[in-house]
């Protein structure tokens, strides 16, 4: 990594998840002008793969009238630390009219962001998690020392964000809890001053469909990890439908034509063959899901400036979370810079090792022989 390389920030959280009738990230105002309340829902990851601070601030600015109360509701595993800090400062600038609400989980960068609110209400069954910043890097010993210094600096930013909310908290104890990756219950968060009030419990899954991401943390509570094995809940608003007695007939030619036409329209004609391979034209439902996945995978690869991998990932049937992880590893092992993310890696997702080039004895011997032959010829000419 060159000395001039600048740090870049990445995140490896899971898929975006819809919550009821609103997307996982939403900003809206309710009530009449005199009783207007602006609500911001951050129900997912924070950062480049999710909601960036720039989008958050722009959307809030477009909705804010300068006087209405603002409620920022969080249910997030966190993500990009610097985006979390920017959200923290954006909420802090709103002053007393801003309330932060932890509906289920405010972990990592989300805990930093929510502490920017003047008043924080945490649901009785919710949690707040604090921990050290984390990063991948590569390079020389000097590069590693420089990255360690940056991590120390970002830790101070985290501590400052928490102490802005809880100025009376003991500094040494706060640093101990951050270093230990501490998961706080609602009552514990209030006792420390990181929240002001325990609210009513609400039924919101803390893993948000991103439960596998919780495995990156060292001390995630067992009851949260147990949600990984829970089957998805049925939608009570939908009437149950009896399965067909006879399997539907699949028109493979029609499905193949659909794949070709829709890939062409979406500008991903190069993914027709990989899609045919991954879907096997099993059914229209499978093909439609494959098309949506292919478009998302291609967008991720283009955003990461690695479009050459889109066909490979689509053919393998990888979902967005798996593609994000692979792209992340390719970027951070490319030697072009280092990345800061205050979320820990999945246990089985380690950066690939780079092996040093082994010496070739045959090549070395041939080079020496050629050099000696040339020297002998030169000496013979001199004697003549």
Protein backbone atom coordinates (compact mmCIF):
# COMPACT_ATOMS: atom_id res chain seq x y z
CA UNK A 1 0.00 0.00 0.00
CA UNK A 2 1.48 3.37 -0.96
CA UNK A 3 1.97 6.04 1.67
CA UNK A 4 -0.34 8.34 -0.24
CA UNK A 5 -3.27 5.91 -0.14
CA UNK A 6 -6.31 7.30 1.64
CA UNK A 7 -8.51 5.24 3.97
CA UNK A 8 -11.79 4.06 2.50
CA UNK A 9 -14.78 2.76 4.38
CA UNK A 10 -16.68 -0.40 3.57
CA UNK A 11 -19.39 -2.44 5.21
CA UNK A 12 -20.34 -6.09 5.01
CA UNK A 13 -23.78 -6.30 6.49
CA UNK A 14 -26.56 -8.38 4.98
CA UNK A 15 -29.53 -7.71 2.73
CA UNK A 16 -31.90 -4.80 2.85
CA UNK A 17 -35.11 -5.81 4.55
CA UNK A 18 -38.60 -4.38 4.23
CA UNK A 19 -40.48 -3.69 7.43
CA UNK A 20 -44.29 -3.87 7.16
CA UNK A 21 -45.54 -1.19 4.75
CA UNK A 22 -42.35 0.88 4.64
CA UNK A 23 -38.89 0.08 3.39
CA UNK A 24 -36.17 -0.49 5.97
CA UNK A 25 -35.14 3.14 5.59
CA UNK A 26 -37.91 5.74 5.43
CA UNK A 27 -38.52 9.39 6.26
CA UNK A 28 -42.03 10.75 6.55
CA UNK A 29 -44.07 13.39 8.37
CA UNK A 30 -47.44 12.80 9.98
CA UNK A 31 -50.17 15.03 11.43
CA UNK A 32 -51.36 18.53 10.65
CA UNK A 33 -48.94 21.40 10.24
CA UNK A 34 -49.43 22.51 13.85
CA UNK A 35 -48.81 18.99 15.20
CA UNK A 36 -46.41 17.69 12.60
CA UNK A 37 -43.97 14.93 13.63
CA UNK A 38 -41.10 13.81 11.39
CA UNK A 39 -40.13 10.15 11.73
CA UNK A 40 -36.94 8.60 10.40
CA UNK A 41 -36.73 4.79 10.34
CA UNK A 42 -33.23 3.31 10.07
CA UNK A 43 -34.08 -0.38 10.04
CA UNK A 44 -30.93 -1.80 8.47
CA UNK A 45 -27.22 -1.25 7.95
CA UNK A 46 -25.47 2.09 7.93
CA UNK A 47 -22.91 2.98 5.25
CA UNK A 48 -21.98 2.36 1.66
CA UNK A 49 -24.04 -0.85 1.30
CA UNK A 50 -27.06 0.64 3.06
CA UNK A 51 -28.12 4.14 4.06
CA UNK A 52 -25.27 6.64 3.82
CA UNK A 53 -25.00 9.71 6.02
CA UNK A 54 -25.30 11.88 2.93
CA UNK A 55 -28.66 10.37 1.97
CA UNK A 56 -29.83 10.50 5.60
CA UNK A 57 -28.99 14.19 5.96
CA UNK A 58 -30.39 15.20 2.57
CA UNK A 59 -33.69 13.38 3.17
CA UNK A 60 -33.99 14.84 6.66
CA UNK A 61 -33.21 18.34 5.40
CA UNK A 62 -35.87 18.04 2.70
CA UNK A 63 -38.49 17.07 5.29
CA UNK A 64 -37.45 19.27 8.22
CA UNK A 65 -39.23 22.60 8.73
CA UNK A 66 -37.02 23.69 11.61
CA UNK A 67 -39.70 23.45 14.30
CA UNK A 68 -41.39 20.02 14.15
CA UNK A 69 -40.33 17.22 16.53
CA UNK A 70 -38.06 14.60 14.92
CA UNK A 71 -38.10 10.95 15.97
CA UNK A 72 -35.21 8.80 14.69
CA UNK A 73 -36.07 5.10 15.16
CA UNK A 74 -33.22 2.56 14.98
CA UNK A 75 -33.14 -1.18 14.51
CA UNK A 76 -29.69 -1.68 13.04
CA UNK A 77 -26.62 -3.89 13.35
CA UNK A 78 -24.52 -0.79 12.55
CA UNK A 79 -21.91 -0.57 9.83
CA UNK A 80 -19.77 2.34 8.69
CA UNK A 81 -18.42 4.22 11.70
CA UNK A 82 -17.87 7.55 9.97
CA UNK A 83 -21.40 7.56 8.54
CA UNK A 84 -22.64 6.76 12.04
CA UNK A 85 -20.70 9.72 13.43
CA UNK A 86 -22.14 11.99 10.75
CA UNK A 87 -25.68 10.84 11.61
CA UNK A 88 -24.89 11.44 15.30
CA UNK A 89 -23.92 15.04 14.56
CA UNK A 90 -26.93 15.59 12.29
CA UNK A 91 -29.31 14.52 15.08
CA UNK A 92 -27.38 16.54 17.66
CA UNK A 93 -27.83 19.72 15.62
CA UNK A 94 -31.62 19.33 15.89
CA UNK A 95 -31.38 20.03 19.61
CA UNK A 96 -34.17 19.35 22.08
CA UNK A 97 -36.77 18.55 19.43
CA UNK A 98 -34.94 15.33 18.48
CA UNK A 99 -35.75 11.98 20.09
CA UNK A 100 -33.82 8.81 19.33
CA UNK A 101 -35.78 5.59 19.61
CA UNK A 102 -34.22 2.12 19.82
CA UNK A 103 -36.96 -0.24 18.66
CA UNK A 104 -34.95 -3.47 18.93
CA UNK A 105 -31.19 -3.12 18.38
CA UNK A 106 -28.75 -0.24 18.07
CA UNK A 107 -25.40 -1.92 17.64
CA UNK A 108 -21.98 -0.68 16.65
CA UNK A 109 -22.23 2.46 14.45
CA UNK A 110 -25.99 2.62 15.12
CA UNK A 111 -25.29 3.06 18.85
CA UNK A 112 -23.02 5.99 17.97
CA UNK A 113 -25.68 7.54 15.72
CA UNK A 114 -28.62 7.27 18.13
CA UNK A 115 -26.62 8.88 20.96
CA UNK A 116 -26.68 12.12 18.97
CA UNK A 117 -30.36 12.56 19.85
CA UNK A 118 -31.22 14.91 22.73
CA UNK A 119 -33.42 12.23 24.30
CA UNK A 120 -33.13 8.48 23.75
CA UNK A 121 -35.99 6.07 24.46
CA UNK A 122 -35.11 2.37 24.35
CA UNK A 123 -37.79 -0.33 24.18
CA UNK A 124 -37.94 -2.61 27.20
CA UNK A 125 -36.90 -5.62 25.10
CA UNK A 126 -34.29 -3.77 23.01
CA UNK A 127 -30.49 -3.69 23.30
CA UNK A 128 -27.61 -1.30 22.67
CA UNK A 129 -24.15 -2.63 21.80
CA UNK A 130 -20.81 -0.79 21.97
CA UNK A 131 -17.39 -2.00 20.82
CA UNK A 132 -14.01 -1.03 19.35
CA UNK A 133 -13.53 0.02 15.72
CA UNK A 134 -12.34 -2.72 13.39
CA UNK A 135 -10.52 -2.77 10.06
CA UNK A 136 -8.72 -4.86 7.46
CA UNK A 137 -5.40 -3.68 6.06
CA UNK A 138 -2.33 -4.82 4.20
CA UNK A 139 1.12 -3.46 3.53
CA UNK A 140 4.44 -2.82 5.24
CA UNK A 141 5.17 -2.50 8.96
CA UNK A 142 4.94 1.27 8.56
CA UNK A 143 1.49 0.90 6.99
CA UNK A 144 0.29 -1.23 9.90
CA UNK A 145 1.61 1.28 12.45
CA UNK A 146 -0.18 4.08 10.62
CA UNK A 147 -3.44 2.12 10.56
CA UNK A 148 -3.12 1.36 14.29
CA UNK A 149 -2.80 5.11 14.93
CA UNK A 150 -5.94 5.77 12.88
CA UNK A 151 -7.85 3.13 14.84
CA UNK A 152 -6.78 4.79 18.09
CA UNK A 153 -8.07 8.10 16.77
CA UNK A 154 -11.41 6.63 15.70
CA UNK A 155 -11.78 5.02 19.14
CA UNK A 156 -11.52 8.50 20.65
CA UNK A 157 -14.29 9.65 18.31
CA UNK A 158 -16.49 6.79 19.54
CA UNK A 159 -15.77 7.61 23.19
CA UNK A 160 -16.56 11.30 22.57
CA UNK A 161 -19.90 10.40 20.96
CA UNK A 162 -20.97 8.31 23.96
CA UNK A 163 -19.75 10.89 26.51
CA UNK A 164 -21.66 13.63 24.68
CA UNK A 165 -24.79 11.68 25.60
CA UNK A 166 -23.61 10.53 29.04
CA UNK A 167 -21.13 13.15 30.32
CA UNK A 168 -21.09 11.69 33.84
CA UNK A 169 -20.11 8.18 32.75
CA UNK A 170 -16.78 6.98 34.14
CA UNK A 171 -14.17 7.21 31.39
CA UNK A 172 -12.21 4.13 32.41
CA UNK A 173 -15.35 2.01 32.74
CA UNK A 174 -16.68 3.19 29.39
CA UNK A 175 -13.41 2.27 27.67
CA UNK A 176 -13.45 -1.13 29.36
CA UNK A 177 -16.97 -1.83 28.09
CA UNK A 178 -16.15 -0.66 24.58
CA UNK A 179 -13.05 -2.85 24.50
CA UNK A 180 -15.03 -5.86 25.76
CA UNK A 181 -17.86 -5.50 23.19
CA UNK A 182 -20.67 -4.92 25.68
CA UNK A 183 -24.36 -5.64 24.99
CA UNK A 184 -26.55 -3.47 27.19
CA UNK A 185 -30.16 -4.13 28.13
CA UNK A 186 -32.61 -1.24 28.24
CA UNK A 187 -32.21 -0.76 31.99
CA UNK A 188 -28.42 -0.95 31.77
CA UNK A 189 -28.32 1.65 28.99
CA UNK A 190 -30.47 4.02 31.08
CA UNK A 191 -28.34 3.44 34.20
CA UNK A 192 -25.22 4.42 32.25
CA UNK A 193 -26.87 7.49 30.76
CA UNK A 194 -26.69 6.27 27.16
CA UNK A 195 -30.51 6.24 27.13
CA UNK A 196 -32.99 8.37 29.04
CA UNK A 197 -36.11 6.24 29.27
CA UNK A 198 -37.30 2.65 28.92
CA UNK A 199 -40.29 2.49 26.62
CA UNK A 200 -42.84 -0.19 25.87
CA UNK A 201 -41.53 -3.33 24.23
CA UNK A 202 -42.35 -3.73 20.56
CA UNK A 203 -42.34 -6.86 18.45
CA UNK A 204 -39.53 -6.22 16.00
CA UNK A 205 -36.98 -8.88 15.15
CA UNK A 206 -33.57 -7.60 16.13
CA UNK A 207 -31.80 -9.47 13.34
CA UNK A 208 -34.03 -7.90 10.67
CA UNK A 209 -33.36 -10.77 8.31
CA UNK A 210 -29.66 -10.02 8.77
CA UNK A 211 -29.18 -12.47 11.60
CA UNK A 212 -26.10 -14.07 10.08
CA UNK A 213 -24.34 -10.74 10.44
CA UNK A 214 -24.65 -11.03 14.22
CA UNK A 215 -22.15 -13.88 14.04
CA UNK A 216 -19.39 -11.39 13.29
CA UNK A 217 -19.67 -10.10 16.86
CA UNK A 218 -17.89 -11.90 19.68
CA UNK A 219 -20.48 -11.60 22.44
CA UNK A 220 -23.84 -11.50 20.66
CA UNK A 221 -26.56 -12.70 23.07
CA UNK A 222 -27.74 -16.26 22.55
CA UNK A 223 -31.39 -15.24 22.19
CA UNK A 224 -30.48 -13.00 19.24
CA UNK A 225 -28.42 -15.73 17.58
CA UNK A 226 -31.28 -18.16 18.11
CA UNK A 227 -33.35 -16.08 15.69
CA UNK A 228 -31.11 -17.35 12.89
CA UNK A 229 -32.88 -20.69 13.05
CA UNK A 230 -36.40 -19.32 13.29
CA UNK A 231 -38.58 -19.82 10.19
CA UNK A 232 -40.01 -16.67 8.62
CA UNK A 233 -43.33 -15.59 10.07
CA UNK A 234 -46.42 -15.95 7.91
CA UNK A 235 -48.19 -12.78 6.87
CA UNK A 236 -51.56 -12.81 8.71
CA UNK A 237 -53.07 -10.56 6.05
CA UNK A 238 -52.62 -13.22 3.36
CA UNK A 239 -55.09 -16.06 2.97
CA UNK A 240 -53.52 -19.52 2.95
CA UNK A 241 -53.44 -21.09 -0.48
CA UNK A 242 -53.60 -24.85 -0.96
CA UNK A 243 -50.70 -26.24 -3.00
CA UNK A 244 -51.62 -27.38 -6.51
CA UNK A 245 -52.34 -31.06 -6.87
CA UNK A 246 -50.51 -31.24 -10.19
CA UNK A 247 -47.09 -29.61 -10.70
CA UNK A 248 -47.30 -26.79 -13.24
CA UNK A 249 -45.84 -27.38 -16.68
CA UNK A 250 -42.68 -25.33 -17.27
CA UNK A 251 -42.24 -23.73 -20.69
CA UNK A 252 -38.44 -23.59 -20.86
CA UNK A 253 -38.34 -21.79 -24.19
CA UNK A 254 -40.62 -19.05 -22.88
CA UNK A 255 -38.52 -18.64 -19.74
CA UNK A 256 -35.28 -18.53 -21.75
CA UNK A 257 -36.76 -15.80 -23.94
CA UNK A 258 -37.82 -13.90 -20.83
CA UNK A 259 -34.28 -14.05 -19.45
CA UNK A 260 -32.80 -12.81 -22.73
CA UNK A 261 -35.26 -9.95 -23.18
CA UNK A 262 -35.11 -8.69 -19.61
CA UNK A 263 -31.31 -8.90 -19.42
CA UNK A 264 -31.09 -6.91 -22.65
CA UNK A 265 -33.50 -4.29 -21.34
CA UNK A 266 -31.54 -4.00 -18.09
CA UNK A 267 -28.20 -3.72 -19.89
CA UNK A 268 -26.85 -7.01 -18.52
CA UNK A 269 -26.86 -9.16 -21.64
CA UNK A 270 -23.56 -10.67 -20.50
CA UNK A 271 -25.46 -12.37 -17.66
CA UNK A 272 -27.89 -14.36 -19.82
CA UNK A 273 -25.82 -17.55 -19.83
CA UNK A 274 -24.92 -17.35 -16.11
CA UNK A 275 -28.62 -16.85 -15.31
CA UNK A 276 -29.66 -19.86 -17.37
CA UNK A 277 -27.08 -21.89 -15.50
CA UNK A 278 -28.01 -20.74 -12.01
CA UNK A 279 -31.81 -20.90 -12.43
CA UNK A 280 -31.95 -24.03 -14.62
CA UNK A 281 -35.22 -22.48 -15.86
CA UNK A 282 -36.87 -24.29 -12.98
CA UNK A 283 -39.95 -22.08 -12.89
CA UNK A 284 -41.07 -18.53 -13.62
CA UNK A 285 -40.79 -17.67 -9.94
CA UNK A 286 -37.20 -18.91 -9.79
CA UNK A 287 -36.30 -17.07 -13.00
CA UNK A 288 -37.80 -13.77 -11.79
CA UNK A 289 -35.94 -14.07 -8.52
CA UNK A 290 -32.77 -14.85 -10.46
CA UNK A 291 -33.22 -11.78 -12.67
CA UNK A 292 -33.64 -9.52 -9.63
CA UNK A 293 -30.61 -11.08 -7.98
CA UNK A 294 -28.51 -10.74 -11.15
CA UNK A 295 -29.33 -7.04 -11.44
CA UNK A 296 -28.42 -6.47 -7.79
CA UNK A 297 -25.18 -8.46 -8.11
CA UNK A 298 -24.19 -6.56 -11.25
CA UNK A 299 -24.88 -3.22 -9.51
CA UNK A 300 -22.69 -4.25 -6.58
CA UNK A 301 -19.82 -5.32 -8.85
CA UNK A 302 -20.03 -2.11 -10.86
CA UNK A 303 -20.11 -0.02 -7.68
CA UNK A 304 -17.00 -1.84 -6.46
CA UNK A 305 -15.35 -1.30 -9.88
CA UNK A 306 -15.06 -5.06 -10.34
CA UNK A 307 -17.68 -5.73 -13.06
CA UNK A 308 -15.66 -8.65 -14.41
CA UNK A 309 -16.83 -10.80 -11.49
CA UNK A 310 -20.59 -10.35 -12.02
CA UNK A 311 -20.98 -13.29 -14.43
CA UNK A 312 -19.08 -15.62 -12.08
CA UNK A 313 -21.16 -14.64 -9.05
CA UNK A 314 -24.47 -14.91 -10.92
CA UNK A 315 -23.57 -18.34 -12.33
CA UNK A 316 -22.75 -19.51 -8.79
CA UNK A 317 -26.16 -18.31 -7.58
CA UNK A 318 -24.64 -16.09 -4.87
CA UNK A 319 -26.95 -13.72 -3.02
CA UNK A 320 -26.18 -10.06 -2.33
CA UNK A 321 -24.69 -10.69 1.13
CA UNK A 322 -22.23 -13.26 -0.23
CA UNK A 323 -21.26 -10.97 -3.12
CA UNK A 324 -20.69 -8.06 -0.75
CA UNK A 325 -18.35 -10.20 1.35
CA UNK A 326 -16.37 -11.38 -1.70
CA UNK A 327 -16.07 -7.89 -3.15
CA UNK A 328 -15.01 -6.55 0.23
CA UNK A 329 -12.23 -9.12 0.48
CA UNK A 330 -11.05 -8.47 -3.08
CA UNK A 331 -10.88 -4.73 -2.44
CA UNK A 332 -9.12 -4.90 0.90
CA UNK A 333 -6.54 -7.45 -0.34
CA UNK A 334 -5.75 -5.42 -3.48
CA UNK A 335 -3.18 -3.26 -1.69
CA UNK A 336 -4.83 -0.01 -2.80
CA UNK A 337 -5.69 1.26 0.67
CA UNK A 338 -7.13 0.26 3.99
CA UNK A 339 -10.70 0.26 5.21
CA UNK A 340 -12.24 1.11 8.55
CA UNK A 341 -15.40 -0.59 9.71
CA UNK A 342 -16.49 -0.89 13.31
CA UNK A 343 -18.13 -4.27 12.69
CA UNK A 344 -16.30 -7.54 13.18
CA UNK A 345 -15.81 -10.13 10.39
CA UNK A 346 -17.67 -13.37 10.09
CA UNK A 347 -15.67 -16.14 11.78
CA UNK A 348 -15.28 -18.13 8.56
CA UNK A 349 -14.66 -15.10 6.34
CA UNK A 350 -10.92 -14.51 6.55
CA UNK A 351 -8.80 -12.62 4.06
CA UNK A 352 -6.91 -14.92 1.72
CA UNK A 353 -3.20 -15.28 2.40
CA UNK A 354 -0.65 -14.08 -0.16
CA UNK A 355 2.17 -16.54 -0.71
CA UNK A 356 5.65 -15.31 -1.54
CA UNK A 357 7.07 -16.35 -4.93
CA UNK A 358 9.25 -19.45 -4.58
CA UNK A 359 12.80 -19.51 -6.10
CA UNK A 360 13.31 -21.44 -9.34
CA UNK A 361 16.68 -23.31 -9.10
CA UNK A 362 16.65 -24.29 -12.80
CA UNK A 363 16.23 -20.71 -13.92
CA UNK A 364 18.95 -19.47 -11.57
CA UNK A 365 21.45 -22.15 -12.80
CA UNK A 366 20.76 -21.31 -16.45
CA UNK A 367 21.35 -17.60 -15.81
CA UNK A 368 24.68 -18.29 -14.11
CA UNK A 369 25.84 -20.57 -16.93
CA UNK A 370 24.99 -17.94 -19.54
CA UNK A 371 26.89 -15.28 -17.59
CA UNK A 372 29.98 -17.49 -17.21
CA UNK A 373 29.99 -18.38 -20.93
CA UNK A 374 29.85 -14.71 -21.88
CA UNK A 375 32.75 -13.88 -19.54
CA UNK A 376 34.92 -16.69 -20.95
CA UNK A 377 34.32 -15.53 -24.54
CA UNK A 378 35.25 -11.95 -23.65
CA UNK A 379 38.49 -13.05 -21.97
CA UNK A 380 39.51 -15.18 -24.96
CA UNK A 381 39.00 -12.25 -27.33
CA UNK A 382 41.22 -10.05 -25.12
CA UNK A 383 44.08 -12.51 -25.18
CA UNK A 384 43.97 -12.68 -29.01
